[in-house]
Amino acid sequence: MVKTKLQLNGRTVVDAAVDGIDMTDYPDFCDAYFDSACYEDGTALTDDELIELTDTNFDALHEMIYDRIY
């Protein structure tokens, strides 16, 4: 479970799911990304917001990947 709170545009993001994990790219996982997520109020993030979330929360993304594979 991710310990870092995900934030985007000053709002908390929850229920984030990761995709694009390629074990041949270990330990970089540069192709991984947030596939889905929503704000605390239940509003789903758009594709553009998911891209921004990935770009601005890459440490949290890596933490989620490592939690998933170990």
PDB file of N, CA and C in Angstrom:
ATOM      1  N   MET A   1       0.849  -1.192   0.000  1.00  0.00           N
ATOM      2  CA  MET A   1       0.000   0.000   0.000  1.00  0.00           C
ATOM      3  C   MET A   1       0.883   1.240   0.000  1.00  0.00           C
ATOM      4  N   VAL A   2       0.545   2.169  -0.838  1.00  0.00           N
ATOM      5  CA  VAL A   2       1.355   3.367  -0.968  1.00  0.00           C
ATOM      6  C   VAL A   2       1.254   4.205   0.298  1.00  0.00           C
ATOM      7  N   LYS A   3       2.400   4.651   0.790  1.00  0.00           N
ATOM      8  CA  LYS A   3       2.441   5.447   2.012  1.00  0.00           C
ATOM      9  C   LYS A   3       2.395   6.937   1.702  1.00  0.00           C
ATOM     10  N   THR A   4       2.801   7.296   0.504  1.00  0.00           N
ATOM     11  CA  THR A   4       2.798   8.681   0.068  1.00  0.00           C
ATOM     12  C   THR A   4       1.402   9.046  -0.413  1.00  0.00           C
ATOM     13  N   LYS A   5       0.908  10.181   0.061  1.00  0.00           N
ATOM     14  CA  LYS A   5      -0.385  10.644  -0.429  1.00  0.00           C
ATOM     15  C   LYS A   5      -0.214  11.197  -1.827  1.00  0.00           C
ATOM     16  N   LEU A   6      -1.055  10.746  -2.715  1.00  0.00           N
ATOM     17  CA  LEU A   6      -1.026  11.247  -4.076  1.00  0.00           C
ATOM     18  C   LEU A   6      -1.801  12.558  -4.131  1.00  0.00           C
ATOM     19  N   GLN A   7      -1.197  13.536  -4.780  1.00  0.00           N
ATOM     20  CA  GLN A   7      -1.810  14.851  -4.927  1.00  0.00           C
ATOM     21  C   GLN A   7      -1.763  15.261  -6.391  1.00  0.00           C
ATOM     22  N   LEU A   8      -2.809  15.918  -6.825  1.00  0.00           N
ATOM     23  CA  LEU A   8      -2.841  16.490  -8.164  1.00  0.00           C
ATOM     24  C   LEU A   8      -3.682  17.752  -8.116  1.00  0.00           C
ATOM     25  N   ASN A   9      -3.116  18.833  -8.561  1.00  0.00           N
ATOM     26  CA  ASN A   9      -3.823  20.120  -8.583  1.00  0.00           C
ATOM     27  C   ASN A   9      -4.404  20.479  -7.220  1.00  0.00           C
ATOM     28  N   GLY A  10      -3.639  20.189  -6.158  1.00  0.00           N
ATOM     29  CA  GLY A  10      -4.060  20.526  -4.803  1.00  0.00           C
ATOM     30  C   GLY A  10      -5.151  19.637  -4.239  1.00  0.00           C
ATOM     31  N   ARG A  11      -5.471  18.555  -4.929  1.00  0.00           N
ATOM     32  CA  ARG A  11      -6.518  17.630  -4.470  1.00  0.00           C
ATOM     33  C   ARG A  11      -5.909  16.260  -4.216  1.00  0.00           C
ATOM     34  N   THR A  12      -6.459  15.543  -3.248  1.00  0.00           N
ATOM     35  CA  THR A  12      -5.993  14.202  -2.919  1.00  0.00           C
ATOM     36  C   THR A  12      -6.572  13.201  -3.903  1.00  0.00           C
ATOM     37  N   VAL A  13      -5.713  12.304  -4.351  1.00  0.00           N
ATOM     38  CA  VAL A  13      -6.104  11.264  -5.301  1.00  0.00           C
ATOM     39  C   VAL A  13      -6.110   9.924  -4.575  1.00  0.00           C
ATOM     40  N   VAL A  14      -7.146   9.122  -4.826  1.00  0.00           N
ATOM     41  CA  VAL A  14      -7.290   7.812  -4.185  1.00  0.00           C
ATOM     42  C   VAL A  14      -7.548   6.741  -5.245  1.00  0.00           C
ATOM     43  N   ASP A  15      -7.489   5.496  -4.801  1.00  0.00           N
ATOM     44  CA  ASP A  15      -7.808   4.342  -5.665  1.00  0.00           C
ATOM     45  C   ASP A  15      -6.996   4.327  -6.950  1.00  0.00           C
ATOM     46  N   ALA A  16      -5.723   4.658  -6.847  1.00  0.00           N
ATOM     47  CA  ALA A  16      -4.858   4.676  -8.026  1.00  0.00           C
ATOM     48  C   ALA A  16      -4.430   3.252  -8.380  1.00  0.00           C
ATOM     49  N   ALA A  17      -4.484   2.940  -9.654  1.00  0.00           N
ATOM     50  CA  ALA A  17      -4.050   1.639 -10.164  1.00  0.00           C
ATOM     51  C   ALA A  17      -2.894   1.851 -11.130  1.00  0.00           C
ATOM     52  N   VAL A  18      -1.930   0.926 -11.077  1.00  0.00           N
ATOM     53  CA  VAL A  18      -0.728   1.015 -11.899  1.00  0.00           C
ATOM     54  C   VAL A  18      -0.790  -0.016 -13.010  1.00  0.00           C
ATOM     55  N   ASP A  19      -0.278   0.346 -14.172  1.00  0.00           N
ATOM     56  CA  ASP A  19      -0.171  -0.586 -15.297  1.00  0.00           C
ATOM     57  C   ASP A  19       1.151  -0.313 -16.005  1.00  0.00           C
ATOM     58  N   GLY A  20       1.492  -1.159 -16.961  1.00  0.00           N
ATOM     59  CA  GLY A  20       2.710  -0.971 -17.730  1.00  0.00           C
ATOM     60  C   GLY A  20       3.965  -1.453 -17.030  1.00  0.00           C
ATOM     61  N   ILE A  21       3.808  -2.323 -16.032  1.00  0.00           N
ATOM     62  CA  ILE A  21       4.966  -2.854 -15.318  1.00  0.00           C
ATOM     63  C   ILE A  21       5.619  -3.919 -16.187  1.00  0.00           C
ATOM     64  N   ASP A  22       6.870  -3.685 -16.532  1.00  0.00           N
ATOM     65  CA  ASP A  22       7.633  -4.610 -17.360  1.00  0.00           C
ATOM     66  C   ASP A  22       8.850  -5.055 -16.558  1.00  0.00           C
ATOM     67  N   MET A  23       8.852  -6.313 -16.126  1.00  0.00           N
ATOM     68  CA  MET A  23       9.928  -6.806 -15.271  1.00  0.00           C
ATOM     69  C   MET A  23      11.278  -6.791 -15.979  1.00  0.00           C
ATOM     70  N   THR A  24      11.309  -6.775 -17.304  1.00  0.00           N
ATOM     71  CA  THR A  24      12.594  -6.691 -17.992  1.00  0.00           C
ATOM     72  C   THR A  24      13.194  -5.292 -17.876  1.00  0.00           C
ATOM     73  N   ASP A  25      12.407  -4.338 -17.386  1.00  0.00           N
ATOM     74  CA  ASP A  25      12.860  -2.967 -17.185  1.00  0.00           C
ATOM     75  C   ASP A  25      13.208  -2.690 -15.719  1.00  0.00           C
ATOM     76  N   TYR A  26      13.273  -3.744 -14.913  1.00  0.00           N
ATOM     77  CA  TYR A  26      13.643  -3.609 -13.498  1.00  0.00           C
ATOM     78  C   TYR A  26      15.034  -3.011 -13.392  1.00  0.00           C
ATOM     79  N   PRO A  27      15.327  -2.077 -12.530  1.00  0.00           N
ATOM     80  CA  PRO A  27      14.489  -1.472 -11.503  1.00  0.00           C
ATOM     81  C   PRO A  27      13.870  -0.143 -11.923  1.00  0.00           C
ATOM     82  N   ASP A  28      14.043   0.243 -13.183  1.00  0.00           N
ATOM     83  CA  ASP A  28      13.580   1.568 -13.617  1.00  0.00           C
ATOM     84  C   ASP A  28      12.075   1.670 -13.808  1.00  0.00           C
ATOM     85  N   PHE A  29      11.494   0.657 -14.416  1.00  0.00           N
ATOM     86  CA  PHE A  29      10.052   0.650 -14.695  1.00  0.00           C
ATOM     87  C   PHE A  29       9.599   1.942 -15.371  1.00  0.00           C
ATOM     88  N   CYS A  30      10.369   2.375 -16.366  1.00  0.00           N
ATOM     89  CA  CYS A  30      10.076   3.666 -16.996  1.00  0.00           C
ATOM     90  C   CYS A  30       8.798   3.650 -17.837  1.00  0.00           C
ATOM     91  N   ASP A  31       8.265   2.473 -18.144  1.00  0.00           N
ATOM     92  CA  ASP A  31       7.024   2.399 -18.916  1.00  0.00           C
ATOM     93  C   ASP A  31       5.777   2.310 -18.037  1.00  0.00           C
ATOM     94  N   ALA A  32       5.955   2.218 -16.738  1.00  0.00           N
ATOM     95  CA  ALA A  32       4.811   2.112 -15.823  1.00  0.00           C
ATOM     96  C   ALA A  32       4.092   3.461 -15.722  1.00  0.00           C
ATOM     97  N   TYR A  33       2.806   3.377 -15.447  1.00  0.00           N
ATOM     98  CA  TYR A  33       1.995   4.594 -15.366  1.00  0.00           C
ATOM     99  C   TYR A  33       0.750   4.329 -14.525  1.00  0.00           C
ATOM    100  N   PHE A  34       0.111   5.413 -14.082  1.00  0.00           N
ATOM    101  CA  PHE A  34      -1.169   5.296 -13.393  1.00  0.00           C
ATOM    102  C   PHE A  34      -2.246   5.092 -14.449  1.00  0.00           C
ATOM    103  N   ASP A  35      -2.929   3.966 -14.344  1.00  0.00           N
ATOM    104  CA  ASP A  35      -3.948   3.579 -15.317  1.00  0.00           C
ATOM    105  C   ASP A  35      -5.322   4.145 -14.979  1.00  0.00           C
ATOM    106  N   SER A  36      -5.599   4.240 -13.697  1.00  0.00           N
ATOM    107  CA  SER A  36      -6.872   4.810 -13.250  1.00  0.00           C
ATOM    108  C   SER A  36      -6.707   5.342 -11.835  1.00  0.00           C
ATOM    109  N   ALA A  37      -7.544   6.295 -11.503  1.00  0.00           N
ATOM    110  CA  ALA A  37      -7.543   6.892 -10.169  1.00  0.00           C
ATOM    111  C   ALA A  37      -8.734   7.842 -10.097  1.00  0.00           C
ATOM    112  N   CYS A  38      -9.052   8.244  -8.886  1.00  0.00           N
ATOM    113  CA  CYS A  38     -10.115   9.236  -8.727  1.00  0.00           C
ATOM    114  C   CYS A  38      -9.770  10.164  -7.570  1.00  0.00           C
ATOM    115  N   TYR A  39     -10.429  11.297  -7.578  1.00  0.00           N
ATOM    116  CA  TYR A  39     -10.298  12.225  -6.460  1.00  0.00           C
ATOM    117  C   TYR A  39     -11.117  11.688  -5.293  1.00  0.00           C
ATOM    118  N   GLU A  40     -10.882  12.232  -4.111  1.00  0.00           N
ATOM    119  CA  GLU A  40     -11.587  11.777  -2.910  1.00  0.00           C
ATOM    120  C   GLU A  40     -13.104  11.852  -3.054  1.00  0.00           C
ATOM    121  N   ASP A  41     -13.603  12.773  -3.871  1.00  0.00           N
ATOM    122  CA  ASP A  41     -15.052  12.901  -4.040  1.00  0.00           C
ATOM    123  C   ASP A  41     -15.625  11.886  -5.029  1.00  0.00           C
ATOM    124  N   GLY A  42     -14.746  11.021  -5.595  1.00  0.00           N
ATOM    125  CA  GLY A  42     -15.198   9.982  -6.512  1.00  0.00           C
ATOM    126  C   GLY A  42     -15.096  10.344  -7.981  1.00  0.00           C
ATOM    127  N   THR A  43     -14.707  11.568  -8.285  1.00  0.00           N
ATOM    128  CA  THR A  43     -14.555  11.986  -9.669  1.00  0.00           C
ATOM    129  C   THR A  43     -13.335  11.308 -10.287  1.00  0.00           C
ATOM    130  N   ALA A  44     -13.543  10.588 -11.380  1.00  0.00           N
ATOM    131  CA  ALA A  44     -12.443   9.895 -12.053  1.00  0.00           C
ATOM    132  C   ALA A  44     -11.516  10.895 -12.733  1.00  0.00           C
ATOM    133  N   LEU A  45     -10.212  10.590 -12.706  1.00  0.00           N
ATOM    134  CA  LEU A  45      -9.251  11.427 -13.402  1.00  0.00           C
ATOM    135  C   LEU A  45      -9.353  11.181 -14.904  1.00  0.00           C
ATOM    136  N   THR A  46      -9.175  12.229 -15.671  1.00  0.00           N
ATOM    137  CA  THR A  46      -9.158  12.116 -17.133  1.00  0.00           C
ATOM    138  C   THR A  46      -7.822  11.519 -17.562  1.00  0.00           C
ATOM    139  N   ASP A  47      -7.715  11.152 -18.821  1.00  0.00           N
ATOM    140  CA  ASP A  47      -6.452  10.626 -19.344  1.00  0.00           C
ATOM    141  C   ASP A  47      -5.318  11.638 -19.164  1.00  0.00           C
ATOM    142  N   ASP A  48      -5.603  12.896 -19.434  1.00  0.00           N
ATOM    143  CA  ASP A  48      -4.575  13.931 -19.266  1.00  0.00           C
ATOM    144  C   ASP A  48      -4.160  14.071 -17.804  1.00  0.00           C
ATOM    145  N   GLU A  49      -5.113  13.970 -16.896  1.00  0.00           N
ATOM    146  CA  GLU A  49      -4.800  14.054 -15.473  1.00  0.00           C
ATOM    147  C   GLU A  49      -3.985  12.840 -15.020  1.00  0.00           C
ATOM    148  N   LEU A  50      -4.272  11.659 -15.572  1.00  0.00           N
ATOM    149  CA  LEU A  50      -3.495  10.467 -15.231  1.00  0.00           C
ATOM    150  C   LEU A  50      -2.046  10.611 -15.699  1.00  0.00           C
ATOM    151  N   ILE A  51      -1.848  11.207 -16.860  1.00  0.00           N
ATOM    152  CA  ILE A  51      -0.494  11.462 -17.349  1.00  0.00           C
ATOM    153  C   ILE A  51       0.224  12.424 -16.411  1.00  0.00           C
ATOM    154  N   GLU A  52      -0.460  13.488 -16.029  1.00  0.00           N
ATOM    155  CA  GLU A  52       0.127  14.461 -15.106  1.00  0.00           C
ATOM    156  C   GLU A  52       0.408  13.824 -13.751  1.00  0.00           C
ATOM    157  N   LEU A  53      -0.495  12.969 -13.280  1.00  0.00           N
ATOM    158  CA  LEU A  53      -0.304  12.271 -12.008  1.00  0.00           C
ATOM    159  C   LEU A  53       0.953  11.407 -12.069  1.00  0.00           C
ATOM    160  N   THR A  54       1.140  10.697 -13.165  1.00  0.00           N
ATOM    161  CA  THR A  54       2.333   9.867 -13.345  1.00  0.00           C
ATOM    162  C   THR A  54       3.586  10.736 -13.343  1.00  0.00           C
ATOM    163  N   ASP A  55       3.543  11.834 -14.067  1.00  0.00           N
ATOM    164  CA  ASP A  55       4.713  12.702 -14.179  1.00  0.00           C
ATOM    165  C   ASP A  55       5.087  13.378 -12.859  1.00  0.00           C
ATOM    166  N   THR A  56       4.100  13.686 -12.042  1.00  0.00           N
ATOM    167  CA  THR A  56       4.362  14.448 -10.814  1.00  0.00           C
ATOM    168  C   THR A  56       4.452  13.580  -9.560  1.00  0.00           C
ATOM    169  N   ASN A  57       4.146  12.299  -9.670  1.00  0.00           N
ATOM    170  CA  ASN A  57       4.169  11.407  -8.510  1.00  0.00           C
ATOM    171  C   ASN A  57       4.943  10.129  -8.812  1.00  0.00           C
ATOM    172  N   PHE A  58       6.068  10.269  -9.522  1.00  0.00           N
ATOM    173  CA  PHE A  58       6.796   9.088  -9.965  1.00  0.00           C
ATOM    174  C   PHE A  58       7.360   8.287  -8.793  1.00  0.00           C
ATOM    175  N   ASP A  59       7.742   8.945  -7.701  1.00  0.00           N
ATOM    176  CA  ASP A  59       8.230   8.209  -6.522  1.00  0.00           C
ATOM    177  C   ASP A  59       7.129   7.331  -5.933  1.00  0.00           C
ATOM    178  N   ALA A  60       5.932   7.856  -5.839  1.00  0.00           N
ATOM    179  CA  ALA A  60       4.809   7.074  -5.327  1.00  0.00           C
ATOM    180  C   ALA A  60       4.471   5.932  -6.274  1.00  0.00           C
ATOM    181  N   LEU A  61       4.568   6.181  -7.572  1.00  0.00           N
ATOM    182  CA  LEU A  61       4.339   5.138  -8.561  1.00  0.00           C
ATOM    183  C   LEU A  61       5.327   3.998  -8.354  1.00  0.00           C
ATOM    184  N   HIS A  62       6.600   4.330  -8.185  1.00  0.00           N
ATOM    185  CA  HIS A  62       7.613   3.294  -7.942  1.00  0.00           C
ATOM    186  C   HIS A  62       7.337   2.535  -6.645  1.00  0.00           C
ATOM    187  N   GLU A  63       6.914   3.243  -5.626  1.00  0.00           N
ATOM    188  CA  GLU A  63       6.592   2.600  -4.348  1.00  0.00           C
ATOM    189  C   GLU A  63       5.454   1.590  -4.550  1.00  0.00           C
ATOM    190  N   MET A  64       4.450   1.964  -5.322  1.00  0.00           N
ATOM    191  CA  MET A  64       3.336   1.057  -5.588  1.00  0.00           C
ATOM    192  C   MET A  64       3.791  -0.151  -6.386  1.00  0.00           C
ATOM    193  N   ILE A  65       4.685   0.047  -7.335  1.00  0.00           N
ATOM    194  CA  ILE A  65       5.204  -1.073  -8.130  1.00  0.00           C
ATOM    195  C   ILE A  65       5.947  -2.037  -7.232  1.00  0.00           C
ATOM    196  N   TYR A  66       6.837  -1.525  -6.402  1.00  0.00           N
ATOM    197  CA  TYR A  66       7.608  -2.410  -5.531  1.00  0.00           C
ATOM    198  C   TYR A  66       6.727  -3.126  -4.523  1.00  0.00           C
ATOM    199  N   ASP A  67       5.695  -2.459  -4.024  1.00  0.00           N
ATOM    200  CA  ASP A  67       4.737  -3.125  -3.128  1.00  0.00           C
ATOM    201  C   ASP A  67       4.040  -4.263  -3.855  1.00  0.00           C
ATOM    202  N   ARG A  68       3.773  -4.074  -5.115  1.00  0.00           N
ATOM    203  CA  ARG A  68       3.049  -5.074  -5.904  1.00  0.00           C
ATOM    204  C   ARG A  68       3.918  -6.289  -6.249  1.00  0.00           C
ATOM    205  N   ILE A  69       5.204  -6.058  -6.524  1.00  0.00           N
ATOM    206  CA  ILE A  69       6.038  -7.180  -6.968  1.00  0.00           C
ATOM    207  C   ILE A  69       6.738  -7.897  -5.829  1.00  0.00           C
ATOM    208  N   TYR A  70       6.775  -7.307  -4.648  1.00  0.00           N
ATOM    209  CA  TYR A  70       7.449  -7.987  -3.516  1.00  0.00           C
ATOM    210  C   TYR A  70       6.469  -8.427  -2.486  1.00  0.00           C
TER     211      TYR A  70
END
